[in-house]
């Protein structure tokens, strides 16, 4: 995990507004964490995690989402790409894979 992603996750966990380079975390009045990459919403963290591609399915977006998923859902889960399409895997052995949908809710 990149240093910026460790700092991002720390801000989410401690529910503190944070910004570095192209990534920011904003905490709402109802204690939800909103994560932005290049001013595009990529995640909302509360009791569950909702993930978005922000309209850009880039390696950086994938990396930020995977850092959030590893911290708040499960280390073995994550977003990956195959033949230009994004998928979400729920297990380490790739036995539970679903197509990625921007706005999907993970719990």
N, C-alpha and C. Protein backbone atom coordinates (compact mmCIF):
# COMPACT_ATOMS: atom_id res chain seq x y z
N UNK A 1 0.85 -1.17 0.00
CA UNK A 1 0.00 0.00 0.00
C UNK A 1 0.90 1.24 0.00
N UNK A 2 0.52 2.22 -0.78
CA UNK A 2 1.28 3.45 -0.87
C UNK A 2 1.13 4.29 0.39
N UNK A 3 2.12 5.12 0.65
CA UNK A 3 2.10 5.97 1.84
C UNK A 3 0.85 6.86 1.86
N UNK A 4 0.49 7.43 0.71
CA UNK A 4 -0.67 8.30 0.64
C UNK A 4 -1.95 7.53 1.00
N UNK A 5 -2.00 6.25 0.63
CA UNK A 5 -3.18 5.44 0.95
C UNK A 5 -3.23 5.08 2.43
N UNK A 6 -2.09 4.88 3.04
CA UNK A 6 -2.05 4.66 4.49
C UNK A 6 -2.54 5.90 5.21
N UNK A 7 -2.11 7.07 4.77
CA UNK A 7 -2.56 8.32 5.39
C UNK A 7 -4.05 8.54 5.14
N UNK A 8 -4.52 8.22 3.95
CA UNK A 8 -5.94 8.33 3.62
C UNK A 8 -6.77 7.45 4.55
N UNK A 9 -6.37 6.19 4.70
CA UNK A 9 -7.11 5.27 5.58
C UNK A 9 -7.08 5.72 7.03
N UNK A 10 -5.97 6.29 7.47
CA UNK A 10 -5.88 6.80 8.83
C UNK A 10 -6.88 7.94 9.04
N UNK A 11 -6.99 8.82 8.06
CA UNK A 11 -7.95 9.93 8.14
C UNK A 11 -9.38 9.41 8.16
N UNK A 12 -9.66 8.41 7.34
CA UNK A 12 -11.02 7.82 7.33
C UNK A 12 -11.33 7.20 8.68
N UNK A 13 -10.41 6.40 9.19
CA UNK A 13 -10.63 5.71 10.46
C UNK A 13 -10.81 6.70 11.62
N UNK A 14 -10.02 7.77 11.62
CA UNK A 14 -10.11 8.75 12.72
C UNK A 14 -11.16 9.82 12.44
N UNK A 15 -11.82 9.72 11.28
CA UNK A 15 -12.87 10.66 10.88
C UNK A 15 -12.37 12.10 10.95
N UNK A 16 -11.27 12.34 10.23
CA UNK A 16 -10.68 13.67 10.13
C UNK A 16 -10.58 14.07 8.66
N UNK A 17 -10.92 15.33 8.38
CA UNK A 17 -10.71 15.83 7.02
C UNK A 17 -9.22 15.78 6.73
N UNK A 18 -8.89 15.46 5.49
CA UNK A 18 -7.49 15.30 5.11
C UNK A 18 -7.36 15.52 3.62
N UNK A 19 -6.20 16.02 3.20
CA UNK A 19 -5.93 16.23 1.78
C UNK A 19 -4.44 16.09 1.52
N UNK A 20 -4.13 15.39 0.44
CA UNK A 20 -2.74 15.31 -0.02
C UNK A 20 -2.74 15.05 -1.52
N UNK A 21 -2.01 15.87 -2.23
CA UNK A 21 -1.89 15.76 -3.69
C UNK A 21 -3.27 15.67 -4.33
N UNK A 22 -3.59 14.57 -4.99
CA UNK A 22 -4.84 14.45 -5.74
C UNK A 22 -5.94 13.73 -4.96
N UNK A 23 -5.73 13.44 -3.69
CA UNK A 23 -6.67 12.65 -2.89
C UNK A 23 -7.11 13.45 -1.68
N UNK A 24 -8.41 13.37 -1.35
CA UNK A 24 -8.88 14.04 -0.13
C UNK A 24 -9.99 13.24 0.52
N UNK A 25 -10.09 13.42 1.83
CA UNK A 25 -11.13 12.81 2.64
C UNK A 25 -11.91 13.94 3.30
N UNK A 26 -13.22 13.90 3.16
CA UNK A 26 -14.09 14.88 3.83
C UNK A 26 -15.05 14.12 4.72
N UNK A 27 -15.20 14.60 5.93
CA UNK A 27 -16.11 13.98 6.90
C UNK A 27 -17.35 14.84 7.00
N UNK A 28 -18.51 14.22 6.84
CA UNK A 28 -19.78 14.95 6.89
C UNK A 28 -20.25 15.10 8.34
N UNK A 29 -21.26 15.90 8.52
CA UNK A 29 -21.82 16.11 9.86
C UNK A 29 -22.36 14.82 10.47
N UNK A 30 -22.83 13.91 9.63
CA UNK A 30 -23.34 12.62 10.14
C UNK A 30 -22.24 11.56 10.18
N UNK A 31 -20.98 12.00 10.12
CA UNK A 31 -19.79 11.17 10.34
C UNK A 31 -19.49 10.19 9.20
N UNK A 32 -20.00 10.46 8.02
CA UNK A 32 -19.63 9.65 6.86
C UNK A 32 -18.33 10.21 6.28
N UNK A 33 -17.49 9.32 5.77
CA UNK A 33 -16.25 9.74 5.11
C UNK A 33 -16.46 9.67 3.60
N UNK A 34 -16.17 10.76 2.94
CA UNK A 34 -16.25 10.84 1.48
C UNK A 34 -14.82 10.97 0.95
N UNK A 35 -14.46 10.08 0.02
CA UNK A 35 -13.10 10.08 -0.52
C UNK A 35 -13.16 10.52 -1.98
N UNK A 36 -12.30 11.47 -2.31
CA UNK A 36 -12.25 12.03 -3.66
C UNK A 36 -10.86 11.83 -4.25
N UNK A 37 -10.82 11.56 -5.54
CA UNK A 37 -9.58 11.49 -6.30
C UNK A 37 -9.75 12.43 -7.49
N UNK A 38 -8.89 13.42 -7.61
CA UNK A 38 -9.01 14.44 -8.65
C UNK A 38 -10.42 15.05 -8.65
N UNK A 39 -10.96 15.31 -7.45
CA UNK A 39 -12.28 15.92 -7.26
C UNK A 39 -13.44 15.05 -7.73
N UNK A 40 -13.20 13.76 -7.94
CA UNK A 40 -14.27 12.82 -8.30
C UNK A 40 -14.48 11.89 -7.10
N UNK A 41 -15.74 11.73 -6.70
CA UNK A 41 -16.06 10.83 -5.59
C UNK A 41 -15.73 9.40 -5.95
N UNK A 42 -14.93 8.74 -5.09
CA UNK A 42 -14.61 7.33 -5.36
C UNK A 42 -15.07 6.40 -4.23
N UNK A 43 -15.41 6.97 -3.05
CA UNK A 43 -15.88 6.09 -1.97
C UNK A 43 -16.63 6.88 -0.91
N UNK A 44 -17.61 6.20 -0.31
CA UNK A 44 -18.32 6.70 0.86
C UNK A 44 -18.23 5.61 1.91
N UNK A 45 -17.71 5.97 3.08
CA UNK A 45 -17.51 4.98 4.14
C UNK A 45 -18.34 5.36 5.34
N UNK A 46 -19.19 4.44 5.77
CA UNK A 46 -20.03 4.58 6.96
C UNK A 46 -20.07 3.20 7.60
N UNK A 47 -21.26 2.65 7.84
CA UNK A 47 -21.37 1.27 8.32
C UNK A 47 -20.92 0.30 7.23
N UNK A 48 -21.01 0.75 6.01
CA UNK A 48 -20.62 -0.04 4.85
C UNK A 48 -19.76 0.84 3.95
N UNK A 49 -19.25 0.27 2.92
CA UNK A 49 -18.41 1.00 1.98
C UNK A 49 -19.09 0.99 0.62
N UNK A 50 -19.22 2.16 0.04
CA UNK A 50 -19.76 2.29 -1.31
C UNK A 50 -18.62 2.80 -2.19
N UNK A 51 -18.38 2.12 -3.31
CA UNK A 51 -17.25 2.49 -4.16
C UNK A 51 -17.72 2.93 -5.54
N UNK A 52 -16.98 3.87 -6.10
CA UNK A 52 -17.27 4.44 -7.41
C UNK A 52 -15.98 4.50 -8.22
N UNK A 53 -16.10 4.53 -9.54
CA UNK A 53 -14.90 4.71 -10.35
C UNK A 53 -14.65 6.17 -10.68
N UNK A 54 -15.57 7.05 -10.32
CA UNK A 54 -15.40 8.47 -10.58
C UNK A 54 -15.37 8.81 -12.06
N UNK A 55 -15.79 7.86 -12.88
CA UNK A 55 -15.78 8.07 -14.32
C UNK A 55 -14.44 7.75 -14.97
N UNK A 56 -13.48 7.32 -14.14
CA UNK A 56 -12.13 7.04 -14.65
C UNK A 56 -11.65 5.72 -14.09
N UNK A 57 -11.61 4.71 -14.88
CA UNK A 57 -11.12 3.41 -14.43
C UNK A 57 -9.61 3.35 -14.64
N UNK A 58 -8.89 4.04 -13.76
CA UNK A 58 -7.43 4.13 -13.85
C UNK A 58 -6.78 3.24 -12.79
N UNK A 59 -5.49 3.03 -12.95
CA UNK A 59 -4.73 2.27 -11.95
C UNK A 59 -4.73 2.97 -10.61
N UNK A 60 -4.68 4.30 -10.61
CA UNK A 60 -4.69 5.05 -9.35
C UNK A 60 -6.03 4.90 -8.64
N UNK A 61 -7.12 5.00 -9.39
CA UNK A 61 -8.45 4.81 -8.79
C UNK A 61 -8.54 3.41 -8.19
N UNK A 62 -8.11 2.42 -8.94
CA UNK A 62 -8.13 1.03 -8.46
C UNK A 62 -7.29 0.87 -7.20
N UNK A 63 -6.14 1.49 -7.18
CA UNK A 63 -5.25 1.39 -6.02
C UNK A 63 -5.88 2.01 -4.77
N UNK A 64 -6.49 3.19 -4.93
CA UNK A 64 -7.14 3.84 -3.78
C UNK A 64 -8.30 2.99 -3.28
N UNK A 65 -9.12 2.48 -4.20
CA UNK A 65 -10.25 1.64 -3.81
C UNK A 65 -9.77 0.37 -3.10
N UNK A 66 -8.74 -0.26 -3.62
CA UNK A 66 -8.23 -1.48 -3.01
C UNK A 66 -7.65 -1.22 -1.62
N UNK A 67 -7.05 -0.06 -1.42
CA UNK A 67 -6.56 0.30 -0.08
C UNK A 67 -7.73 0.44 0.90
N UNK A 68 -8.80 1.06 0.45
CA UNK A 68 -10.00 1.22 1.29
C UNK A 68 -10.64 -0.14 1.57
N UNK A 69 -10.77 -0.96 0.54
CA UNK A 69 -11.37 -2.28 0.70
C UNK A 69 -10.55 -3.14 1.66
N UNK A 70 -9.24 -3.12 1.52
CA UNK A 70 -8.37 -3.92 2.40
C UNK A 70 -8.49 -3.47 3.85
N UNK A 71 -8.65 -2.19 4.07
CA UNK A 71 -8.73 -1.64 5.44
C UNK A 71 -10.10 -1.84 6.07
N UNK A 72 -11.16 -1.64 5.30
CA UNK A 72 -12.50 -1.57 5.88
C UNK A 72 -13.42 -2.74 5.51
N UNK A 73 -13.04 -3.58 4.57
CA UNK A 73 -13.87 -4.73 4.19
C UNK A 73 -13.12 -6.02 4.49
N UNK A 74 -12.11 -6.34 3.67
CA UNK A 74 -11.35 -7.58 3.83
C UNK A 74 -10.08 -7.47 3.00
N UNK A 75 -8.94 -7.81 3.58
CA UNK A 75 -7.68 -7.71 2.83
C UNK A 75 -7.65 -8.52 1.54
N UNK A 76 -8.35 -9.63 1.49
CA UNK A 76 -8.31 -10.49 0.30
C UNK A 76 -9.22 -9.99 -0.82
N UNK A 77 -10.15 -9.10 -0.51
CA UNK A 77 -11.09 -8.60 -1.51
C UNK A 77 -10.45 -7.45 -2.29
N UNK A 78 -11.04 -7.11 -3.43
CA UNK A 78 -10.53 -5.97 -4.17
C UNK A 78 -11.02 -5.89 -5.59
N UNK A 79 -10.64 -4.79 -6.23
CA UNK A 79 -11.00 -4.52 -7.61
C UNK A 79 -9.82 -4.91 -8.49
N UNK A 80 -10.10 -5.58 -9.60
CA UNK A 80 -9.05 -5.91 -10.56
C UNK A 80 -9.60 -5.76 -11.97
N UNK A 81 -8.70 -5.76 -12.94
CA UNK A 81 -9.07 -5.57 -14.33
C UNK A 81 -8.67 -6.77 -15.16
N UNK A 82 -9.57 -7.18 -16.05
CA UNK A 82 -9.27 -8.26 -16.98
C UNK A 82 -9.91 -7.90 -18.32
N UNK A 83 -9.13 -7.95 -19.38
CA UNK A 83 -9.62 -7.62 -20.72
C UNK A 83 -10.36 -6.27 -20.74
N UNK A 84 -9.77 -5.29 -20.09
CA UNK A 84 -10.28 -3.92 -20.04
C UNK A 84 -11.52 -3.73 -19.18
N UNK A 85 -12.01 -4.78 -18.56
CA UNK A 85 -13.20 -4.69 -17.70
C UNK A 85 -12.80 -4.80 -16.24
N UNK A 86 -13.49 -4.07 -15.39
CA UNK A 86 -13.25 -4.13 -13.95
C UNK A 86 -14.17 -5.15 -13.30
N UNK A 87 -13.62 -5.82 -12.27
CA UNK A 87 -14.36 -6.81 -11.50
C UNK A 87 -14.06 -6.59 -10.02
N UNK A 88 -14.94 -7.13 -9.19
CA UNK A 88 -14.73 -7.11 -7.74
C UNK A 88 -14.63 -8.55 -7.27
N UNK A 89 -13.53 -8.87 -6.59
CA UNK A 89 -13.38 -10.22 -6.05
C UNK A 89 -13.58 -10.17 -4.55
N UNK A 90 -14.33 -11.13 -4.05
CA UNK A 90 -14.65 -11.18 -2.63
C UNK A 90 -13.77 -12.15 -1.86
N UNK A 91 -12.88 -12.86 -2.55
CA UNK A 91 -12.05 -13.85 -1.87
C UNK A 91 -10.66 -13.87 -2.48
N UNK A 92 -9.73 -14.42 -1.75
CA UNK A 92 -8.34 -14.49 -2.19
C UNK A 92 -8.16 -15.37 -3.41
N UNK A 93 -8.92 -16.43 -3.51
CA UNK A 93 -8.72 -17.40 -4.59
C UNK A 93 -9.55 -17.10 -5.85
N UNK A 94 -10.14 -15.93 -5.93
CA UNK A 94 -10.92 -15.51 -7.10
C UNK A 94 -12.13 -16.40 -7.35
N UNK A 95 -12.62 -17.07 -6.32
CA UNK A 95 -13.78 -17.95 -6.51
C UNK A 95 -15.11 -17.19 -6.49
N UNK A 96 -15.09 -15.96 -6.01
CA UNK A 96 -16.32 -15.17 -5.92
C UNK A 96 -16.08 -13.82 -6.58
N UNK A 97 -16.36 -13.74 -7.87
CA UNK A 97 -16.09 -12.54 -8.67
C UNK A 97 -17.39 -12.02 -9.25
N UNK A 98 -17.57 -10.70 -9.17
CA UNK A 98 -18.73 -10.06 -9.79
C UNK A 98 -18.25 -8.86 -10.60
N UNK A 99 -18.99 -8.49 -11.65
CA UNK A 99 -18.61 -7.30 -12.42
C UNK A 99 -18.66 -6.06 -11.52
N UNK A 100 -17.69 -5.18 -11.68
CA UNK A 100 -17.67 -3.92 -10.94
C UNK A 100 -18.78 -3.03 -11.46
N UNK A 101 -19.48 -2.38 -10.52
CA UNK A 101 -20.48 -1.38 -10.87
C UNK A 101 -20.21 -0.17 -10.02
N UNK A 102 -20.05 0.98 -10.66
CA UNK A 102 -19.82 2.21 -9.91
C UNK A 102 -21.03 2.46 -9.01
N UNK A 103 -20.76 2.63 -7.72
CA UNK A 103 -21.83 2.82 -6.74
C UNK A 103 -22.17 1.56 -5.98
N UNK A 104 -21.47 0.46 -6.26
CA UNK A 104 -21.78 -0.78 -5.57
C UNK A 104 -21.47 -0.64 -4.07
N UNK A 105 -22.28 -1.31 -3.26
CA UNK A 105 -22.15 -1.24 -1.81
C UNK A 105 -21.54 -2.53 -1.31
N UNK A 106 -20.48 -2.39 -0.50
CA UNK A 106 -19.80 -3.54 0.11
C UNK A 106 -20.03 -3.49 1.61
N UNK A 107 -20.24 -4.64 2.22
CA UNK A 107 -20.42 -4.65 3.69
C UNK A 107 -19.75 -5.85 4.29
